[in-house]
Amino acid sequence: MTQTAIHLVVTDPDQAATWYADALGARETNRITLPGGRTLTVELLLGDTVLAVAGEMPARGMRSPAGLGGTSAALHVRVPDADAAWARALRAGATVFEEMHDAFWGERTGQFLDPFGHRWALDQHVRDVPRDEVEARAAELFAGSATP
């Protein structure tokens, strides 16, 4: 297991495992099935990151973004061709959260929501940007938008 593994709660772990394989190229490495055939957890490998998906269990505090009313996190995946990965995710049913664009910090990036409500960003490094330029651009773009 990598130093940090991701464990996502979804409405249907079987559908989610298939979606993450089709849309993001994840590969299934393990599956735990309960008596009666219900899938408890599907473990996937996304690049070198372990991604486990499990179904909701509200009584145990495990709820999907739909059950919580949204998600506050974005999972970033570095890819060699962000536009191709973006097109594949959208074809698989992702919903645009932030259009693909060239960001001021030197990445080609865009964000989408997967069919299970989790937010993902696809990132491709396109240029090195000096730190002072990144800070100046961030200050310009986000001036006045921070909340205490």
N, C-alpha and C. Protein backbone atom coordinates (compact mmCIF):
# COMPACT_ATOMS: atom_id res chain seq x y z
N MET A 1 0.85 -1.18 0.00
CA MET A 1 0.00 0.00 0.00
C MET A 1 0.89 1.24 0.00
N THR A 2 0.48 2.25 -0.73
CA THR A 2 1.22 3.51 -0.73
C THR A 2 1.06 4.17 0.63
N GLN A 3 1.84 5.20 0.87
CA GLN A 3 1.79 5.87 2.17
C GLN A 3 0.39 6.40 2.46
N THR A 4 -0.29 6.90 1.45
CA THR A 4 -1.66 7.34 1.61
C THR A 4 -2.52 6.57 0.62
N ALA A 5 -3.56 5.96 1.15
CA ALA A 5 -4.53 5.27 0.31
C ALA A 5 -5.85 6.03 0.41
N ILE A 6 -6.66 5.95 -0.62
CA ILE A 6 -7.93 6.65 -0.66
C ILE A 6 -9.05 5.64 -0.48
N HIS A 7 -9.97 5.95 0.39
CA HIS A 7 -11.13 5.08 0.63
C HIS A 7 -12.37 5.92 0.39
N LEU A 8 -13.08 5.63 -0.70
CA LEU A 8 -14.26 6.40 -1.06
C LEU A 8 -15.53 5.62 -0.74
N VAL A 9 -16.50 6.29 -0.17
CA VAL A 9 -17.80 5.69 0.05
C VAL A 9 -18.68 6.09 -1.14
N VAL A 10 -19.31 5.09 -1.73
CA VAL A 10 -20.12 5.29 -2.93
C VAL A 10 -21.47 4.59 -2.75
N THR A 11 -22.39 4.89 -3.63
CA THR A 11 -23.70 4.25 -3.55
C THR A 11 -23.66 2.80 -4.01
N ASP A 12 -22.75 2.46 -4.92
CA ASP A 12 -22.67 1.09 -5.44
C ASP A 12 -21.20 0.78 -5.76
N PRO A 13 -20.52 0.00 -4.91
CA PRO A 13 -19.09 -0.25 -5.14
C PRO A 13 -18.80 -1.02 -6.43
N ASP A 14 -19.71 -1.88 -6.87
CA ASP A 14 -19.47 -2.60 -8.12
C ASP A 14 -19.48 -1.64 -9.31
N GLN A 15 -20.49 -0.78 -9.37
CA GLN A 15 -20.56 0.20 -10.45
C GLN A 15 -19.39 1.17 -10.38
N ALA A 16 -19.03 1.58 -9.16
CA ALA A 16 -17.93 2.53 -9.00
C ALA A 16 -16.61 1.91 -9.48
N ALA A 17 -16.35 0.67 -9.12
CA ALA A 17 -15.11 0.02 -9.56
C ALA A 17 -15.04 -0.03 -11.08
N THR A 18 -16.14 -0.36 -11.70
CA THR A 18 -16.18 -0.39 -13.17
C THR A 18 -15.95 1.01 -13.73
N TRP A 19 -16.58 2.01 -13.15
CA TRP A 19 -16.45 3.39 -13.65
C TRP A 19 -15.00 3.87 -13.52
N TYR A 20 -14.39 3.65 -12.36
CA TYR A 20 -13.01 4.12 -12.16
C TYR A 20 -12.04 3.39 -13.08
N ALA A 21 -12.33 2.14 -13.41
CA ALA A 21 -11.49 1.42 -14.37
C ALA A 21 -11.67 2.00 -15.77
N ASP A 22 -12.91 2.20 -16.18
CA ASP A 22 -13.19 2.72 -17.53
C ASP A 22 -12.73 4.17 -17.69
N ALA A 23 -13.05 5.01 -16.72
CA ALA A 23 -12.81 6.45 -16.86
C ALA A 23 -11.39 6.87 -16.50
N LEU A 24 -10.80 6.21 -15.49
CA LEU A 24 -9.50 6.66 -15.01
C LEU A 24 -8.38 5.64 -15.21
N GLY A 25 -8.73 4.47 -15.70
CA GLY A 25 -7.71 3.46 -15.94
C GLY A 25 -7.28 2.68 -14.70
N ALA A 26 -8.09 2.73 -13.64
CA ALA A 26 -7.77 1.97 -12.43
C ALA A 26 -7.87 0.48 -12.72
N ARG A 27 -7.14 -0.31 -11.93
CA ARG A 27 -7.11 -1.76 -12.10
C ARG A 27 -7.51 -2.42 -10.78
N GLU A 28 -8.49 -3.31 -10.83
CA GLU A 28 -8.94 -4.00 -9.61
C GLU A 28 -7.85 -4.94 -9.11
N THR A 29 -7.59 -4.87 -7.78
CA THR A 29 -6.58 -5.74 -7.17
C THR A 29 -7.16 -6.65 -6.10
N ASN A 30 -8.31 -6.32 -5.55
CA ASN A 30 -8.90 -7.13 -4.50
C ASN A 30 -10.38 -6.77 -4.35
N ARG A 31 -11.15 -7.73 -3.86
CA ARG A 31 -12.58 -7.52 -3.66
C ARG A 31 -13.01 -8.35 -2.46
N ILE A 32 -13.79 -7.74 -1.57
CA ILE A 32 -14.36 -8.47 -0.44
C ILE A 32 -15.87 -8.52 -0.65
N THR A 33 -16.37 -9.75 -0.75
CA THR A 33 -17.80 -9.98 -0.96
C THR A 33 -18.37 -10.65 0.29
N LEU A 34 -19.48 -10.12 0.77
CA LEU A 34 -20.15 -10.67 1.96
C LEU A 34 -21.01 -11.87 1.59
N PRO A 35 -21.32 -12.72 2.56
CA PRO A 35 -22.27 -13.80 2.30
C PRO A 35 -23.56 -13.20 1.73
N GLY A 36 -24.11 -13.81 0.75
CA GLY A 36 -25.28 -13.27 0.07
C GLY A 36 -24.92 -12.52 -1.20
N GLY A 37 -23.61 -12.30 -1.41
CA GLY A 37 -23.17 -11.71 -2.66
C GLY A 37 -22.95 -10.21 -2.67
N ARG A 38 -23.27 -9.50 -1.61
CA ARG A 38 -23.09 -8.04 -1.58
C ARG A 38 -21.60 -7.70 -1.47
N THR A 39 -21.15 -6.76 -2.30
CA THR A 39 -19.76 -6.33 -2.27
C THR A 39 -19.55 -5.36 -1.11
N LEU A 40 -18.57 -5.68 -0.27
CA LEU A 40 -18.23 -4.78 0.83
C LEU A 40 -17.25 -3.71 0.35
N THR A 41 -16.16 -4.15 -0.27
CA THR A 41 -15.11 -3.23 -0.72
C THR A 41 -14.46 -3.77 -1.99
N VAL A 42 -14.15 -2.85 -2.89
CA VAL A 42 -13.33 -3.18 -4.06
C VAL A 42 -12.08 -2.33 -3.96
N GLU A 43 -10.93 -2.98 -4.02
CA GLU A 43 -9.66 -2.27 -3.99
C GLU A 43 -9.13 -2.17 -5.41
N LEU A 44 -8.73 -0.97 -5.78
CA LEU A 44 -8.22 -0.68 -7.11
C LEU A 44 -6.83 -0.08 -6.98
N LEU A 45 -6.09 -0.13 -8.06
CA LEU A 45 -4.81 0.56 -8.13
C LEU A 45 -4.94 1.60 -9.23
N LEU A 46 -4.76 2.86 -8.86
CA LEU A 46 -4.82 3.99 -9.79
C LEU A 46 -3.42 4.57 -9.83
N GLY A 47 -2.68 4.24 -10.88
CA GLY A 47 -1.26 4.59 -10.90
C GLY A 47 -0.59 3.79 -9.80
N ASP A 48 0.04 4.48 -8.85
CA ASP A 48 0.63 3.78 -7.71
C ASP A 48 -0.17 4.01 -6.42
N THR A 49 -1.39 4.47 -6.57
CA THR A 49 -2.23 4.78 -5.42
C THR A 49 -3.33 3.74 -5.25
N VAL A 50 -3.49 3.28 -4.02
CA VAL A 50 -4.59 2.36 -3.70
C VAL A 50 -5.86 3.19 -3.56
N LEU A 51 -6.89 2.77 -4.28
CA LEU A 51 -8.20 3.41 -4.23
C LEU A 51 -9.20 2.32 -3.87
N ALA A 52 -9.78 2.42 -2.69
CA ALA A 52 -10.78 1.45 -2.26
C ALA A 52 -12.15 2.12 -2.32
N VAL A 53 -13.14 1.37 -2.79
CA VAL A 53 -14.51 1.89 -2.83
C VAL A 53 -15.39 0.93 -2.03
N ALA A 54 -16.25 1.52 -1.24
CA ALA A 54 -17.16 0.74 -0.40
C ALA A 54 -18.53 1.38 -0.43
N GLY A 55 -19.54 0.56 -0.24
CA GLY A 55 -20.92 1.05 -0.22
C GLY A 55 -21.24 1.78 1.07
N GLU A 56 -22.30 2.56 0.99
CA GLU A 56 -22.75 3.31 2.16
C GLU A 56 -23.17 2.38 3.30
N MET A 57 -22.88 2.80 4.50
CA MET A 57 -23.36 2.17 5.72
C MET A 57 -23.65 3.28 6.71
N PRO A 58 -24.78 3.96 6.55
CA PRO A 58 -25.08 5.13 7.38
C PRO A 58 -25.01 4.84 8.88
N ALA A 59 -25.39 3.66 9.31
CA ALA A 59 -25.35 3.33 10.74
C ALA A 59 -23.91 3.33 11.28
N ARG A 60 -22.94 3.15 10.38
CA ARG A 60 -21.53 3.15 10.77
C ARG A 60 -20.85 4.47 10.41
N GLY A 61 -21.63 5.46 9.98
CA GLY A 61 -21.08 6.76 9.62
C GLY A 61 -20.46 6.82 8.24
N MET A 62 -20.67 5.81 7.43
CA MET A 62 -20.10 5.78 6.07
C MET A 62 -21.17 6.21 5.09
N ARG A 63 -21.04 7.46 4.58
CA ARG A 63 -22.04 8.01 3.67
C ARG A 63 -21.36 8.56 2.44
N SER A 64 -22.04 8.43 1.33
CA SER A 64 -21.53 8.92 0.05
C SER A 64 -21.74 10.43 -0.02
N PRO A 65 -21.12 11.10 -0.99
CA PRO A 65 -21.37 12.53 -1.14
C PRO A 65 -22.85 12.86 -1.29
N ALA A 66 -23.61 12.01 -1.97
CA ALA A 66 -25.06 12.25 -2.11
C ALA A 66 -25.72 12.25 -0.74
N GLY A 67 -25.30 11.34 0.13
CA GLY A 67 -25.87 11.27 1.48
C GLY A 67 -25.45 12.42 2.36
N LEU A 68 -24.34 13.07 2.01
CA LEU A 68 -23.83 14.20 2.78
C LEU A 68 -24.18 15.55 2.15
N GLY A 69 -24.72 15.53 0.96
CA GLY A 69 -25.04 16.79 0.28
C GLY A 69 -23.87 17.39 -0.46
N GLY A 70 -22.86 16.61 -0.79
CA GLY A 70 -21.72 17.12 -1.56
C GLY A 70 -20.41 16.65 -0.96
N THR A 71 -19.32 17.07 -1.56
CA THR A 71 -17.99 16.72 -1.09
C THR A 71 -17.15 17.98 -1.00
N SER A 72 -16.23 18.00 -0.04
CA SER A 72 -15.38 19.20 0.13
C SER A 72 -13.98 18.98 -0.41
N ALA A 73 -13.68 17.81 -0.89
CA ALA A 73 -12.32 17.50 -1.33
C ALA A 73 -12.28 17.25 -2.83
N ALA A 74 -11.12 17.49 -3.41
CA ALA A 74 -10.87 17.13 -4.81
C ALA A 74 -9.65 16.23 -4.84
N LEU A 75 -9.77 15.12 -5.53
CA LEU A 75 -8.66 14.19 -5.69
C LEU A 75 -7.96 14.54 -7.00
N HIS A 76 -6.65 14.81 -6.92
CA HIS A 76 -5.89 15.20 -8.11
C HIS A 76 -5.13 14.01 -8.65
N VAL A 77 -5.22 13.81 -9.95
CA VAL A 77 -4.51 12.72 -10.63
C VAL A 77 -3.63 13.34 -11.70
N ARG A 78 -2.33 13.11 -11.59
CA ARG A 78 -1.40 13.60 -12.62
C ARG A 78 -1.44 12.62 -13.79
N VAL A 79 -1.63 13.16 -14.98
CA VAL A 79 -1.74 12.34 -16.19
C VAL A 79 -0.81 12.91 -17.26
N PRO A 80 -0.39 12.06 -18.21
CA PRO A 80 0.50 12.55 -19.26
C PRO A 80 -0.23 13.38 -20.32
N ASP A 81 -1.53 13.16 -20.50
CA ASP A 81 -2.31 13.88 -21.50
C ASP A 81 -3.67 14.22 -20.88
N ALA A 82 -3.75 15.41 -20.29
CA ALA A 82 -4.96 15.81 -19.56
C ALA A 82 -6.18 15.88 -20.47
N ASP A 83 -6.02 16.33 -21.68
CA ASP A 83 -7.18 16.46 -22.58
C ASP A 83 -7.75 15.09 -22.95
N ALA A 84 -6.88 14.11 -23.19
CA ALA A 84 -7.36 12.77 -23.52
C ALA A 84 -8.03 12.13 -22.31
N ALA A 85 -7.44 12.29 -21.12
CA ALA A 85 -8.03 11.74 -19.90
C ALA A 85 -9.36 12.41 -19.61
N TRP A 86 -9.44 13.71 -19.86
CA TRP A 86 -10.67 14.49 -19.66
C TRP A 86 -11.78 13.96 -20.57
N ALA A 87 -11.45 13.78 -21.83
CA ALA A 87 -12.45 13.29 -22.79
C ALA A 87 -12.94 11.90 -22.38
N ARG A 88 -12.04 11.04 -21.92
CA ARG A 88 -12.43 9.70 -21.50
C ARG A 88 -13.37 9.76 -20.29
N ALA A 89 -13.07 10.61 -19.31
CA ALA A 89 -13.92 10.74 -18.12
C ALA A 89 -15.30 11.27 -18.49
N LEU A 90 -15.36 12.25 -19.38
CA LEU A 90 -16.66 12.80 -19.78
C LEU A 90 -17.47 11.78 -20.56
N ARG A 91 -16.80 11.03 -21.45
CA ARG A 91 -17.51 9.96 -22.18
C ARG A 91 -18.08 8.92 -21.22
N ALA A 92 -17.39 8.69 -20.12
CA ALA A 92 -17.83 7.68 -19.15
C ALA A 92 -18.93 8.20 -18.23
N GLY A 93 -19.26 9.50 -18.33
CA GLY A 93 -20.37 10.03 -17.54
C GLY A 93 -20.01 11.05 -16.48
N ALA A 94 -18.78 11.54 -16.48
CA ALA A 94 -18.41 12.58 -15.53
C ALA A 94 -19.15 13.88 -15.86
N THR A 95 -19.35 14.71 -14.84
CA THR A 95 -19.98 16.01 -14.99
C THR A 95 -18.94 17.10 -14.75
N VAL A 96 -18.86 18.07 -15.64
CA VAL A 96 -17.87 19.13 -15.52
C VAL A 96 -18.11 19.95 -14.26
N PHE A 97 -17.06 20.10 -13.47
CA PHE A 97 -17.08 20.99 -12.29
C PHE A 97 -16.32 22.28 -12.63
N GLU A 98 -15.17 22.11 -13.26
CA GLU A 98 -14.36 23.25 -13.73
C GLU A 98 -13.74 22.83 -15.05
N GLU A 99 -14.01 23.57 -16.10
CA GLU A 99 -13.52 23.24 -17.44
C GLU A 99 -12.00 23.07 -17.47
N MET A 100 -11.54 22.26 -18.38
CA MET A 100 -10.11 22.07 -18.61
C MET A 100 -9.53 23.41 -19.06
N HIS A 101 -8.38 23.78 -18.47
CA HIS A 101 -7.75 25.05 -18.81
C HIS A 101 -6.27 25.00 -18.43
N ASP A 102 -5.52 25.98 -18.92
CA ASP A 102 -4.13 26.14 -18.52
C ASP A 102 -4.11 27.04 -17.31
N ALA A 103 -3.71 26.49 -16.17
CA ALA A 103 -3.72 27.23 -14.91
C ALA A 103 -2.45 28.06 -14.75
N PHE A 104 -2.56 29.11 -13.96
CA PHE A 104 -1.45 30.04 -13.78
C PHE A 104 -0.24 29.40 -13.11
N TRP A 105 -0.40 28.28 -12.44
CA TRP A 105 0.73 27.64 -11.76
C TRP A 105 1.45 26.62 -12.64
N GLY A 106 1.06 26.53 -13.92
CA GLY A 106 1.81 25.73 -14.88
C GLY A 106 1.22 24.36 -15.19
N GLU A 107 -0.01 24.13 -14.79
CA GLU A 107 -0.67 22.85 -15.06
C GLU A 107 -1.80 23.04 -16.06
N ARG A 108 -2.02 22.05 -16.87
CA ARG A 108 -3.25 21.93 -17.65
C ARG A 108 -4.16 21.14 -16.73
N THR A 109 -5.30 21.68 -16.37
CA THR A 109 -6.13 21.07 -15.34
C THR A 109 -7.61 21.32 -15.59
N GLY A 110 -8.41 20.46 -15.04
CA GLY A 110 -9.86 20.59 -15.06
C GLY A 110 -10.42 19.68 -13.99
N GLN A 111 -11.62 19.99 -13.52
CA GLN A 111 -12.23 19.18 -12.47
C GLN A 111 -13.59 18.67 -12.91
N PHE A 112 -13.90 17.45 -12.47
CA PHE A 112 -15.21 16.87 -12.77
C PHE A 112 -15.74 16.14 -11.54
N LEU A 113 -17.04 15.91 -11.54
CA LEU A 113 -17.67 15.07 -10.53
C LEU A 113 -17.93 13.72 -11.16
N ASP A 114 -17.53 12.66 -10.46
CA ASP A 114 -17.83 11.33 -10.97
C ASP A 114 -19.30 11.02 -10.68
N PRO A 115 -19.85 9.95 -11.23
CA PRO A 115 -21.27 9.64 -11.02
C PRO A 115 -21.64 9.36 -9.56
N PHE A 116 -20.64 9.26 -8.68
CA PHE A 116 -20.88 8.96 -7.28
C PHE A 116 -20.70 10.19 -6.40
N GLY A 117 -20.44 11.35 -7.03
CA GLY A 117 -20.37 12.62 -6.32
C GLY A 117 -19.00 13.05 -5.87
N HIS A 118 -17.97 12.27 -6.16
CA HIS A 118 -16.61 12.64 -5.77
C HIS A 118 -16.00 13.55 -6.84
N ARG A 119 -15.25 14.55 -6.38
CA ARG A 119 -14.65 15.53 -7.29
C ARG A 119 -13.21 15.15 -7.58
N TRP A 120 -12.86 15.18 -8.86
CA TRP A 120 -11.54 14.81 -9.34
C TRP A 120 -10.97 15.94 -10.18
N ALA A 121 -9.66 16.11 -10.10
CA ALA A 121 -8.95 17.02 -11.00
C ALA A 121 -7.94 16.20 -11.78
N LEU A 122 -7.83 16.49 -13.05
CA LEU A 122 -6.81 15.89 -13.90
C LEU A 122 -5.76 16.95 -14.14
N ASP A 123 -4.50 16.63 -13.89
CA ASP A 123 -3.42 17.60 -13.98
C ASP A 123 -2.31 17.10 -14.88
N GLN A 124 -1.85 17.99 -15.76
CA GLN A 124 -0.71 17.71 -16.62
C GLN A 124 0.23 18.89 -16.53
N HIS A 125 1.49 18.65 -16.15
CA HIS A 125 2.47 19.73 -16.06
C HIS A 125 2.79 20.22 -17.47
N VAL A 126 2.66 21.53 -17.69
CA VAL A 126 2.97 22.08 -19.02
C VAL A 126 4.10 23.10 -19.00
N ARG A 127 4.33 23.73 -17.84
CA ARG A 127 5.45 24.69 -17.80
C ARG A 127 5.85 24.97 -16.36
N ASP A 128 7.10 25.28 -16.17
CA ASP A 128 7.59 25.69 -14.86
C ASP A 128 7.29 27.18 -14.68
N VAL A 129 6.77 27.54 -13.53
CA VAL A 129 6.42 28.93 -13.25
C VAL A 129 7.14 29.35 -11.98
N PRO A 130 7.86 30.46 -12.02
CA PRO A 130 8.55 30.92 -10.82
C PRO A 130 7.55 31.19 -9.68
N ARG A 131 7.96 30.86 -8.46
CA ARG A 131 7.09 31.00 -7.29
C ARG A 131 6.52 32.41 -7.15
N ASP A 132 7.34 33.44 -7.38
CA ASP A 132 6.85 34.80 -7.22
C ASP A 132 5.75 35.11 -8.24
N GLU A 133 5.84 34.54 -9.43
CA GLU A 133 4.78 34.73 -10.43
C GLU A 133 3.49 34.02 -10.00
N VAL A 134 3.61 32.81 -9.46
CA VAL A 134 2.44 32.08 -8.97
C VAL A 134 1.77 32.88 -7.85
N GLU A 135 2.55 33.36 -6.90
CA GLU A 135 1.99 34.12 -5.77
C GLU A 135 1.32 35.40 -6.24
N ALA A 136 1.95 36.12 -7.16
CA ALA A 136 1.37 37.36 -7.67
C ALA A 136 0.06 37.09 -8.39
N ARG A 137 0.03 36.07 -9.21
CA ARG A 137 -1.19 35.73 -9.96
C ARG A 137 -2.30 35.27 -9.02
N ALA A 138 -1.95 34.48 -8.01
CA ALA A 138 -2.94 34.03 -7.03
C ALA A 138 -3.53 35.22 -6.27
N ALA A 139 -2.67 36.14 -5.85
CA ALA A 139 -3.14 37.33 -5.14
C ALA A 139 -4.09 38.14 -6.01
N GLU A 140 -3.76 38.26 -7.29
CA GLU A 140 -4.59 39.01 -8.23
C GLU A 140 -5.96 38.34 -8.41
N LEU A 141 -5.94 37.04 -8.64
CA LEU A 141 -7.18 36.32 -8.91
C LEU A 141 -8.09 36.17 -7.71
N PHE A 142 -7.50 35.98 -6.54
CA PHE A 142 -8.30 35.66 -5.36
C PHE A 142 -8.41 36.80 -4.35
N ALA A 143 -8.00 37.98 -4.71
CA ALA A 143 -8.10 39.13 -3.81
C ALA A 143 -9.55 39.33 -3.41
N GLY A 144 -9.77 39.38 -2.11
CA GLY A 144 -11.12 39.64 -1.61
C GLY A 144 -12.04 38.44 -1.59
N SER A 145 -11.57 37.27 -2.05
CA SER A 145 -12.47 36.12 -2.09
C SER A 145 -12.33 35.21 -0.88
N ALA A 146 -11.33 35.45 -0.06
CA ALA A 146 -11.14 34.61 1.13
C ALA A 146 -12.16 35.00 2.21
N THR A 147 -12.63 34.00 2.91
CA THR A 147 -13.55 34.25 4.01
C THR A 147 -12.87 33.91 5.32
N PRO A 148 -13.06 34.74 6.33
CA PRO A 148 -12.40 34.49 7.63
C PRO A 148 -12.97 33.27 8.32
